[in-house]
């Protein structure tokens, strides 16, 4: 169960503010995020990603820290370094957590997670490992065309397990491409540009190709095509005639308009028949 470290007395309530607005005090676990070779302590100089435990908050804003999980000499981090290059160390990335063992691990999983980091996140906890799966993750919200749709948890996890960050060798890549080229899905015929569907009433309707006719094209004008396609294409023979460029079919189409809506850009140039 999560608990408040300040309320339980494990961390002091007073402290100093960091660049992200977090407050840290004696007892807090923190991370240094900038290599600083002139700052030395037990285990070497201060490095990006090192984890520390605060043992003293000094009046000038500097912090006295010890490396987490180790005993030895302390290190004093200057106030400017503390403010700019220090952050709380209770959460970390899977890459930085490799090799560590903690009592309980809480991991965030999304569709962008890869198989190897998932293994790390699911095996750090000595007692428990809890996975929190985001079922509606959108890695690029700013360019999304529609709201994210939630999917089942097992679908997200299957996708993560099927996606590896390991690089394939040249031989493996060649084999994978050969299998993909021989896949039965490659031999399936492509859908024709115009399709005919039977309605419940027994009549049939069709949709015209998305491509707009050019000025030199023998097709009817764009407006006429969209206006009359619901009637002229009711029979397969008429549709085939139009594909072949049959003049009589084009003429009958132009002479038999219906009250269809004009093409709309929002539907990719395709208007629904009335």
C-alpha atoms as a PDB file:
ATOM      1  CA  UNK A   1       0.000   0.000   0.000  1.00  0.00           C
ATOM      2  CA  UNK A   2       1.355   3.475  -0.831  1.00  0.00           C
ATOM      3  CA  UNK A   3       1.888   5.794   2.120  1.00  0.00           C
ATOM      4  CA  UNK A   4       3.012   9.340   2.829  1.00  0.00           C
ATOM      5  CA  UNK A   5       6.684   9.311   3.832  1.00  0.00           C
ATOM      6  CA  UNK A   6       6.328  12.695   5.541  1.00  0.00           C
ATOM      7  CA  UNK A   7       3.299  11.552   7.563  1.00  0.00           C
ATOM      8  CA  UNK A   8       5.119   8.414   8.709  1.00  0.00           C
ATOM      9  CA  UNK A   9       8.213  10.367   9.726  1.00  0.00           C
ATOM     10  CA  UNK A  10      10.549   8.828   7.150  1.00  0.00           C
ATOM     11  CA  UNK A  11      11.095  12.187   5.412  1.00  0.00           C
ATOM     12  CA  UNK A  12      11.319  15.706   6.867  1.00  0.00           C
ATOM     13  CA  UNK A  13       8.560  18.092   5.846  1.00  0.00           C
ATOM     14  CA  UNK A  14      10.882  21.073   5.371  1.00  0.00           C
ATOM     15  CA  UNK A  15      13.445  21.171   2.605  1.00  0.00           C
ATOM     16  CA  UNK A  16      14.462  22.889  -0.628  1.00  0.00           C
ATOM     17  CA  UNK A  17      12.665  23.329  -3.939  1.00  0.00           C
ATOM     18  CA  UNK A  18      13.886  21.738  -7.166  1.00  0.00           C
ATOM     19  CA  UNK A  19      13.552  23.058 -10.717  1.00  0.00           C
ATOM     20  CA  UNK A  20      10.350  21.033 -11.323  1.00  0.00           C
ATOM     21  CA  UNK A  21       8.687  22.444  -8.192  1.00  0.00           C
ATOM     22  CA  UNK A  22       9.199  19.363  -6.020  1.00  0.00           C
ATOM     23  CA  UNK A  23      10.352  19.780  -2.430  1.00  0.00           C
ATOM     24  CA  UNK A  24      13.032  17.479  -1.041  1.00  0.00           C
ATOM     25  CA  UNK A  25      14.133  17.067   2.542  1.00  0.00           C
ATOM     26  CA  UNK A  26      16.145  14.843   4.853  1.00  0.00           C
ATOM     27  CA  UNK A  27      15.364  11.203   4.142  1.00  0.00           C
ATOM     28  CA  UNK A  28      14.299  11.709   0.516  1.00  0.00           C
ATOM     29  CA  UNK A  29      15.689   9.585  -2.281  1.00  0.00           C
ATOM     30  CA  UNK A  30      17.049  11.741  -5.116  1.00  0.00           C
ATOM     31  CA  UNK A  31      18.828  11.396  -8.476  1.00  0.00           C
ATOM     32  CA  UNK A  32      21.663  13.520  -9.836  1.00  0.00           C
ATOM     33  CA  UNK A  33      21.165  14.282 -13.534  1.00  0.00           C
ATOM     34  CA  UNK A  34      24.462  15.894 -14.577  1.00  0.00           C
ATOM     35  CA  UNK A  35      28.011  14.551 -14.546  1.00  0.00           C
ATOM     36  CA  UNK A  36      30.121  16.647 -12.172  1.00  0.00           C
ATOM     37  CA  UNK A  37      33.719  15.418 -11.911  1.00  0.00           C
ATOM     38  CA  UNK A  38      34.760  17.982  -9.317  1.00  0.00           C
ATOM     39  CA  UNK A  39      32.194  16.595  -6.842  1.00  0.00           C
ATOM     40  CA  UNK A  40      33.515  13.446  -5.222  1.00  0.00           C
ATOM     41  CA  UNK A  41      32.029  10.955  -2.800  1.00  0.00           C
ATOM     42  CA  UNK A  42      32.075   7.313  -1.861  1.00  0.00           C
ATOM     43  CA  UNK A  43      32.049   5.353  -5.138  1.00  0.00           C
ATOM     44  CA  UNK A  44      33.571   8.074  -7.318  1.00  0.00           C
ATOM     45  CA  UNK A  45      32.524  11.424  -8.725  1.00  0.00           C
ATOM     46  CA  UNK A  46      28.885  12.505  -9.144  1.00  0.00           C
ATOM     47  CA  UNK A  47      27.331  11.012 -12.274  1.00  0.00           C
ATOM     48  CA  UNK A  48      24.076  11.319 -14.163  1.00  0.00           C
ATOM     49  CA  UNK A  49      21.668   8.706 -12.829  1.00  0.00           C
ATOM     50  CA  UNK A  50      23.330   8.202  -9.435  1.00  0.00           C
ATOM     51  CA  UNK A  51      20.895   7.671  -6.579  1.00  0.00           C
ATOM     52  CA  UNK A  52      21.384   9.385  -3.224  1.00  0.00           C
ATOM     53  CA  UNK A  53      19.773   9.683   0.203  1.00  0.00           C
ATOM     54  CA  UNK A  54      19.605  13.191   1.709  1.00  0.00           C
ATOM     55  CA  UNK A  55      21.086  13.358   5.207  1.00  0.00           C
ATOM     56  CA  UNK A  56      21.230  17.120   5.756  1.00  0.00           C
ATOM     57  CA  UNK A  57      19.740  20.304   4.333  1.00  0.00           C
ATOM     58  CA  UNK A  58      22.231  23.141   4.756  1.00  0.00           C
ATOM     59  CA  UNK A  59      21.271  26.800   5.345  1.00  0.00           C
ATOM     60  CA  UNK A  60      22.700  27.898   1.946  1.00  0.00           C
ATOM     61  CA  UNK A  61      20.433  25.445   0.069  1.00  0.00           C
ATOM     62  CA  UNK A  62      23.109  22.827  -0.531  1.00  0.00           C
ATOM     63  CA  UNK A  63      22.464  19.188   0.402  1.00  0.00           C
ATOM     64  CA  UNK A  64      24.600  16.607   2.129  1.00  0.00           C
ATOM     65  CA  UNK A  65      23.899  13.193   0.568  1.00  0.00           C
ATOM     66  CA  UNK A  66      25.042   9.563   0.752  1.00  0.00           C
ATOM     67  CA  UNK A  67      24.850   7.041  -2.061  1.00  0.00           C
ATOM     68  CA  UNK A  68      21.694   4.991  -1.638  1.00  0.00           C
ATOM     69  CA  UNK A  69      22.293   1.526  -0.226  1.00  0.00           C
ATOM     70  CA  UNK A  70      25.918   2.220   0.641  1.00  0.00           C
ATOM     71  CA  UNK A  71      27.875   3.384   3.649  1.00  0.00           C
ATOM     72  CA  UNK A  72      30.833   5.706   3.419  1.00  0.00           C
ATOM     73  CA  UNK A  73      31.745   9.318   3.079  1.00  0.00           C
ATOM     74  CA  UNK A  74      29.103  11.906   2.290  1.00  0.00           C
ATOM     75  CA  UNK A  75      28.966  14.319  -0.646  1.00  0.00           C
ATOM     76  CA  UNK A  76      27.872  17.921  -0.557  1.00  0.00           C
ATOM     77  CA  UNK A  77      25.869  19.085  -3.572  1.00  0.00           C
ATOM     78  CA  UNK A  78      25.989  22.883  -4.151  1.00  0.00           C
ATOM     79  CA  UNK A  79      22.729  24.835  -4.083  1.00  0.00           C
ATOM     80  CA  UNK A  80      22.816  25.696  -7.795  1.00  0.00           C
ATOM     81  CA  UNK A  81      23.407  22.046  -8.719  1.00  0.00           C
ATOM     82  CA  UNK A  82      20.571  20.983  -6.408  1.00  0.00           C
ATOM     83  CA  UNK A  83      18.130  23.411  -8.002  1.00  0.00           C
ATOM     84  CA  UNK A  84      19.025  22.649 -11.639  1.00  0.00           C
ATOM     85  CA  UNK A  85      20.176  19.022 -11.771  1.00  0.00           C
ATOM     86  CA  UNK A  86      18.473  17.091  -8.970  1.00  0.00           C
ATOM     87  CA  UNK A  87      15.147  15.253  -8.992  1.00  0.00           C
ATOM     88  CA  UNK A  88      13.223  12.849  -6.808  1.00  0.00           C
ATOM     89  CA  UNK A  89      14.430   9.271  -7.212  1.00  0.00           C
ATOM     90  CA  UNK A  90      11.350   7.197  -6.362  1.00  0.00           C
ATOM     91  CA  UNK A  91      10.478   6.641 -10.037  1.00  0.00           C
ATOM     92  CA  UNK A  92      12.954   5.787 -12.752  1.00  0.00           C
ATOM     93  CA  UNK A  93      13.193   4.382 -16.266  1.00  0.00           C
ATOM     94  CA  UNK A  94      13.438   0.661 -16.949  1.00  0.00           C
ATOM     95  CA  UNK A  95      16.927   1.104 -18.393  1.00  0.00           C
ATOM     96  CA  UNK A  96      18.192   2.774 -15.232  1.00  0.00           C
ATOM     97  CA  UNK A  97      16.482   0.145 -13.053  1.00  0.00           C
ATOM     98  CA  UNK A  98      18.377  -2.775 -14.601  1.00  0.00           C
ATOM     99  CA  UNK A  99      20.227  -4.762 -11.955  1.00  0.00           C
ATOM    100  CA  UNK A 100      18.308  -3.238  -9.058  1.00  0.00           C
ATOM    101  CA  UNK A 101      16.124  -5.113  -6.571  1.00  0.00           C
ATOM    102  CA  UNK A 102      13.446  -3.362  -4.496  1.00  0.00           C
ATOM    103  CA  UNK A 103      10.688  -4.539  -2.179  1.00  0.00           C
ATOM    104  CA  UNK A 104       7.828  -3.506  -4.467  1.00  0.00           C
ATOM    105  CA  UNK A 105       7.860  -2.411  -8.093  1.00  0.00           C
ATOM    106  CA  UNK A 106       5.072  -0.396  -9.759  1.00  0.00           C
ATOM    107  CA  UNK A 107       5.457  -0.261 -13.548  1.00  0.00           C
ATOM    108  CA  UNK A 108       3.624   1.808 -16.159  1.00  0.00           C
ATOM    109  CA  UNK A 109       2.933  -0.104 -19.399  1.00  0.00           C
ATOM    110  CA  UNK A 110       1.577   1.294 -22.670  1.00  0.00           C
ATOM    111  CA  UNK A 111       1.418   0.339 -26.337  1.00  0.00           C
ATOM    112  CA  UNK A 112       4.801   2.046 -26.763  1.00  0.00           C
ATOM    113  CA  UNK A 113       6.535  -0.300 -24.280  1.00  0.00           C
ATOM    114  CA  UNK A 114       8.916  -2.873 -25.729  1.00  0.00           C
ATOM    115  CA  UNK A 115       9.435  -6.494 -24.680  1.00  0.00           C
ATOM    116  CA  UNK A 116      12.878  -6.147 -23.070  1.00  0.00           C
ATOM    117  CA  UNK A 117      11.976  -3.205 -20.774  1.00  0.00           C
ATOM    118  CA  UNK A 118       8.779  -5.042 -19.788  1.00  0.00           C
ATOM    119  CA  UNK A 119      10.883  -7.929 -18.471  1.00  0.00           C
ATOM    120  CA  UNK A 120      12.957  -5.509 -16.393  1.00  0.00           C
ATOM    121  CA  UNK A 121       9.899  -3.761 -14.974  1.00  0.00           C
ATOM    122  CA  UNK A 122       8.149  -7.018 -14.110  1.00  0.00           C
ATOM    123  CA  UNK A 123      11.096  -8.517 -12.208  1.00  0.00           C
ATOM    124  CA  UNK A 124      12.517  -5.723 -10.016  1.00  0.00           C
ATOM    125  CA  UNK A 125      10.271  -6.303  -7.001  1.00  0.00           C
ATOM    126  CA  UNK A 126      11.327  -8.749  -4.291  1.00  0.00           C
ATOM    127  CA  UNK A 127       7.832  -9.052  -2.801  1.00  0.00           C
ATOM    128  CA  UNK A 128       5.443  -7.797  -5.499  1.00  0.00           C
ATOM    129  CA  UNK A 129       5.483  -6.425  -9.043  1.00  0.00           C
ATOM    130  CA  UNK A 130       2.426  -4.466 -10.156  1.00  0.00           C
ATOM    131  CA  UNK A 131       1.828  -3.478 -13.782  1.00  0.00           C
ATOM    132  CA  UNK A 132      -0.420  -0.531 -14.639  1.00  0.00           C
ATOM    133  CA  UNK A 133      -1.501  -0.896 -18.273  1.00  0.00           C
ATOM    134  CA  UNK A 134      -2.637   2.180 -20.226  1.00  0.00           C
ATOM    135  CA  UNK A 135      -5.328   0.867 -22.578  1.00  0.00           C
ATOM    136  CA  UNK A 136      -5.863   4.119 -24.503  1.00  0.00           C
ATOM    137  CA  UNK A 137      -2.317   5.399 -24.937  1.00  0.00           C
ATOM    138  CA  UNK A 138      -1.656   7.797 -27.810  1.00  0.00           C
ATOM    139  CA  UNK A 139       2.076   8.492 -28.294  1.00  0.00           C
ATOM    140  CA  UNK A 140       1.397  11.646 -30.311  1.00  0.00           C
ATOM    141  CA  UNK A 141      -1.752  13.380 -29.091  1.00  0.00           C
ATOM    142  CA  UNK A 142      -0.950  16.656 -30.871  1.00  0.00           C
ATOM    143  CA  UNK A 143      -1.247  15.071 -34.344  1.00  0.00           C
ATOM    144  CA  UNK A 144      -4.064  12.614 -33.573  1.00  0.00           C
ATOM    145  CA  UNK A 145      -7.081  12.840 -35.886  1.00  0.00           C
ATOM    146  CA  UNK A 146      -9.501  11.337 -33.373  1.00  0.00           C
ATOM    147  CA  UNK A 147      -9.754  10.481 -29.703  1.00  0.00           C
ATOM    148  CA  UNK A 148      -7.941   7.379 -28.478  1.00  0.00           C
ATOM    149  CA  UNK A 149     -10.079   4.259 -28.204  1.00  0.00           C
ATOM    150  CA  UNK A 150      -9.537   1.944 -25.251  1.00  0.00           C
ATOM    151  CA  UNK A 151      -8.537  -1.642 -26.065  1.00  0.00           C
ATOM    152  CA  UNK A 152      -8.455  -4.732 -23.816  1.00  0.00           C
ATOM    153  CA  UNK A 153      -5.454  -5.110 -21.522  1.00  0.00           C
ATOM    154  CA  UNK A 154      -4.446  -8.410 -23.107  1.00  0.00           C
ATOM    155  CA  UNK A 155      -4.281  -6.754 -26.532  1.00  0.00           C
ATOM    156  CA  UNK A 156      -1.791  -4.174 -25.233  1.00  0.00           C
ATOM    157  CA  UNK A 157       0.337  -6.833 -23.538  1.00  0.00           C
ATOM    158  CA  UNK A 158       0.360  -9.083 -26.623  1.00  0.00           C
ATOM    159  CA  UNK A 159       1.554  -6.141 -28.687  1.00  0.00           C
ATOM    160  CA  UNK A 160       4.328  -5.375 -26.195  1.00  0.00           C
ATOM    161  CA  UNK A 161       5.491  -8.996 -26.132  1.00  0.00           C
ATOM    162  CA  UNK A 162       5.527  -9.109 -29.929  1.00  0.00           C
ATOM    163  CA  UNK A 163       7.675  -5.974 -30.246  1.00  0.00           C
ATOM    164  CA  UNK A 164      11.374  -6.341 -29.551  1.00  0.00           C
ATOM    165  CA  UNK A 165      14.008  -3.625 -29.400  1.00  0.00           C
ATOM    166  CA  UNK A 166      16.757  -6.074 -30.356  1.00  0.00           C
ATOM    167  CA  UNK A 167      18.345  -5.393 -33.743  1.00  0.00           C
ATOM    168  CA  UNK A 168      18.191  -8.217 -36.282  1.00  0.00           C
ATOM    169  CA  UNK A 169      21.298  -9.477 -38.021  1.00  0.00           C
ATOM    170  CA  UNK A 170      21.566  -9.321 -41.801  1.00  0.00           C
ATOM    171  CA  UNK A 171      20.754 -13.049 -42.067  1.00  0.00           C
ATOM    172  CA  UNK A 172      17.686 -12.701 -39.829  1.00  0.00           C
ATOM    173  CA  UNK A 173      16.469  -9.705 -41.806  1.00  0.00           C
ATOM    174  CA  UNK A 174      16.888 -11.585 -45.095  1.00  0.00           C
ATOM    175  CA  UNK A 175      14.949 -14.583 -43.730  1.00  0.00           C
ATOM    176  CA  UNK A 176      12.142 -12.395 -42.372  1.00  0.00           C
ATOM    177  CA  UNK A 177      11.756 -10.546 -45.674  1.00  0.00           C
ATOM    178  CA  UNK A 178      11.685 -13.837 -47.601  1.00  0.00           C
ATOM    179  CA  UNK A 179       8.891 -15.169 -45.369  1.00  0.00           C
ATOM    180  CA  UNK A 180       6.963 -11.914 -45.758  1.00  0.00           C
ATOM    181  CA  UNK A 181       7.271 -12.059 -49.557  1.00  0.00           C
ATOM    182  CA  UNK A 182       5.941 -15.638 -49.625  1.00  0.00           C
ATOM    183  CA  UNK A 183       3.072 -14.879 -47.238  1.00  0.00           C
ATOM    184  CA  UNK A 184      -0.398 -15.807 -48.584  1.00  0.00           C
ATOM    185  CA  UNK A 185      -1.587 -12.291 -47.739  1.00  0.00           C
ATOM    186  CA  UNK A 186       0.694 -10.921 -50.468  1.00  0.00           C
ATOM    187  CA  UNK A 187      -1.079 -12.969 -53.149  1.00  0.00           C
ATOM    188  CA  UNK A 188      -4.601 -11.781 -52.339  1.00  0.00           C
ATOM    189  CA  UNK A 189      -6.115  -9.669 -55.143  1.00  0.00           C
ATOM    190  CA  UNK A 190      -6.459  -5.990 -54.402  1.00  0.00           C
ATOM    191  CA  UNK A 191      -9.916  -4.519 -54.042  1.00  0.00           C
ATOM    192  CA  UNK A 192     -11.305  -2.965 -57.219  1.00  0.00           C
ATOM    193  CA  UNK A 193     -11.672   0.821 -57.149  1.00  0.00           C
ATOM    194  CA  UNK A 194     -15.453   0.567 -57.476  1.00  0.00           C
ATOM    195  CA  UNK A 195     -17.485  -1.982 -55.561  1.00  0.00           C
ATOM    196  CA  UNK A 196     -21.053  -3.145 -55.876  1.00  0.00           C
ATOM    197  CA  UNK A 197     -23.107  -4.014 -52.811  1.00  0.00           C
ATOM    198  CA  UNK A 198     -26.578  -5.508 -52.677  1.00  0.00           C
ATOM    199  CA  UNK A 199     -29.125  -3.789 -50.484  1.00  0.00           C
ATOM    200  CA  UNK A 200     -31.928  -5.505 -48.592  1.00  0.00           C
ATOM    201  CA  UNK A 201     -34.424  -4.258 -51.174  1.00  0.00           C
ATOM    202  CA  UNK A 202     -32.693  -6.295 -53.848  1.00  0.00           C
ATOM    203  CA  UNK A 203     -31.343  -3.298 -55.778  1.00  0.00           C
ATOM    204  CA  UNK A 204     -27.659  -2.507 -55.954  1.00  0.00           C
ATOM    205  CA  UNK A 205     -25.648   0.642 -55.550  1.00  0.00           C
ATOM    206  CA  UNK A 206     -22.047   1.473 -56.264  1.00  0.00           C
ATOM    207  CA  UNK A 207     -19.397   3.984 -55.362  1.00  0.00           C
ATOM    208  CA  UNK A 208     -17.372   5.860 -57.937  1.00  0.00           C
ATOM    209  CA  UNK A 209     -13.580   5.965 -57.969  1.00  0.00           C
ATOM    210  CA  UNK A 210     -12.018   8.587 -55.688  1.00  0.00           C
ATOM    211  CA  UNK A 211      -9.806  10.013 -58.446  1.00  0.00           C
ATOM    212  CA  UNK A 212     -11.239  13.149 -60.032  1.00  0.00           C
ATOM    213  CA  UNK A 213     -11.349  13.159 -63.856  1.00  0.00           C
ATOM    214  CA  UNK A 214      -8.907  15.451 -65.651  1.00  0.00           C
ATOM    215  CA  UNK A 215      -9.872  18.035 -68.241  1.00  0.00           C
ATOM    216  CA  UNK A 216      -8.898  15.705 -71.103  1.00  0.00           C
ATOM    217  CA  UNK A 217     -10.612  12.678 -69.591  1.00  0.00           C
ATOM    218  CA  UNK A 218     -13.483  10.962 -71.448  1.00  0.00           C
ATOM    219  CA  UNK A 219     -15.322  10.496 -68.131  1.00  0.00           C
ATOM    220  CA  UNK A 220     -18.340  12.712 -67.358  1.00  0.00           C
ATOM    221  CA  UNK A 221     -17.658  15.857 -65.369  1.00  0.00           C
ATOM    222  CA  UNK A 222     -16.988  15.424 -61.652  1.00  0.00           C
ATOM    223  CA  UNK A 223     -20.317  16.981 -60.641  1.00  0.00           C
ATOM    224  CA  UNK A 224     -22.245  14.795 -63.098  1.00  0.00           C
ATOM    225  CA  UNK A 225     -20.384  11.670 -61.970  1.00  0.00           C
ATOM    226  CA  UNK A 226     -21.241  12.180 -58.322  1.00  0.00           C
ATOM    227  CA  UNK A 227     -24.744  13.335 -59.153  1.00  0.00           C
ATOM    228  CA  UNK A 228     -25.763  10.343 -61.184  1.00  0.00           C
ATOM    229  CA  UNK A 229     -23.645   7.425 -59.968  1.00  0.00           C
ATOM    230  CA  UNK A 230     -26.405   6.100 -57.738  1.00  0.00           C
ATOM    231  CA  UNK A 231     -28.681   5.522 -60.740  1.00  0.00           C
ATOM    232  CA  UNK A 232     -26.341   4.871 -63.671  1.00  0.00           C
ATOM    233  CA  UNK A 233     -24.370   2.233 -61.776  1.00  0.00           C
ATOM    234  CA  UNK A 234     -27.284   0.217 -60.475  1.00  0.00           C
ATOM    235  CA  UNK A 235     -26.508  -2.602 -62.877  1.00  0.00           C
ATOM    236  CA  UNK A 236     -23.099  -4.290 -63.113  1.00  0.00           C
ATOM    237  CA  UNK A 237     -23.208  -4.001 -66.883  1.00  0.00           C
ATOM    238  CA  UNK A 238     -23.492  -0.222 -66.682  1.00  0.00           C
ATOM    239  CA  UNK A 239     -20.572  -0.046 -64.273  1.00  0.00           C
ATOM    240  CA  UNK A 240     -18.410  -2.215 -66.516  1.00  0.00           C
ATOM    241  CA  UNK A 241     -19.339  -0.058 -69.486  1.00  0.00           C
ATOM    242  CA  UNK A 242     -18.266   3.066 -67.685  1.00  0.00           C
ATOM    243  CA  UNK A 243     -14.948   1.442 -66.746  1.00  0.00           C
ATOM    244  CA  UNK A 244     -14.384   0.625 -70.442  1.00  0.00           C
ATOM    245  CA  UNK A 245     -15.224   4.204 -71.459  1.00  0.00           C
ATOM    246  CA  UNK A 246     -18.414   3.246 -73.324  1.00  0.00           C
ATOM    247  CA  UNK A 247     -19.898   6.493 -74.706  1.00  0.00           C
ATOM    248  CA  UNK A 248     -23.525   5.286 -74.407  1.00  0.00           C
ATOM    249  CA  UNK A 249     -23.042   4.504 -70.749  1.00  0.00           C
ATOM    250  CA  UNK A 250     -21.600   7.963 -70.110  1.00  0.00           C
ATOM    251  CA  UNK A 251     -24.439   9.588 -71.986  1.00  0.00           C
ATOM    252  CA  UNK A 252     -27.113   7.661 -70.094  1.00  0.00           C
ATOM    253  CA  UNK A 253     -25.416   8.603 -66.879  1.00  0.00           C
ATOM    254  CA  UNK A 254     -25.409  12.289 -67.718  1.00  0.00           C
ATOM    255  CA  UNK A 255     -29.040  12.197 -68.817  1.00  0.00           C
ATOM    256  CA  UNK A 256     -30.313  10.443 -65.691  1.00  0.00           C
ATOM    257  CA  UNK A 257     -29.236  12.580 -62.730  1.00  0.00           C
ATOM    258  CA  UNK A 258     -30.500  12.006 -59.234  1.00  0.00           C
ATOM    259  CA  UNK A 259     -30.701  14.288 -56.217  1.00  0.00           C
ATOM    260  CA  UNK A 260     -27.427  13.186 -54.695  1.00  0.00           C
ATOM    261  CA  UNK A 261     -25.384  15.473 -52.495  1.00  0.00           C
ATOM    262  CA  UNK A 262     -22.281  17.137 -53.997  1.00  0.00           C
ATOM    263  CA  UNK A 263     -18.877  15.741 -53.038  1.00  0.00           C
ATOM    264  CA  UNK A 264     -17.570  16.738 -49.632  1.00  0.00           C
ATOM    265  CA  UNK A 265     -13.899  17.282 -48.730  1.00  0.00           C
ATOM    266  CA  UNK A 266     -14.551  15.923 -45.288  1.00  0.00           C
ATOM    267  CA  UNK A 267     -15.342  12.517 -46.749  1.00  0.00           C
ATOM    268  CA  UNK A 268     -12.396  12.478 -49.132  1.00  0.00           C
ATOM    269  CA  UNK A 269     -14.435  13.693 -52.094  1.00  0.00           C
ATOM    270  CA  UNK A 270     -17.154  11.032 -51.667  1.00  0.00           C
ATOM    271  CA  UNK A 271     -20.743  12.124 -51.061  1.00  0.00           C
ATOM    272  CA  UNK A 272     -23.420   9.829 -49.731  1.00  0.00           C
ATOM    273  CA  UNK A 273     -26.409   9.272 -52.048  1.00  0.00           C
ATOM    274  CA  UNK A 274     -29.792  10.483 -50.804  1.00  0.00           C
END
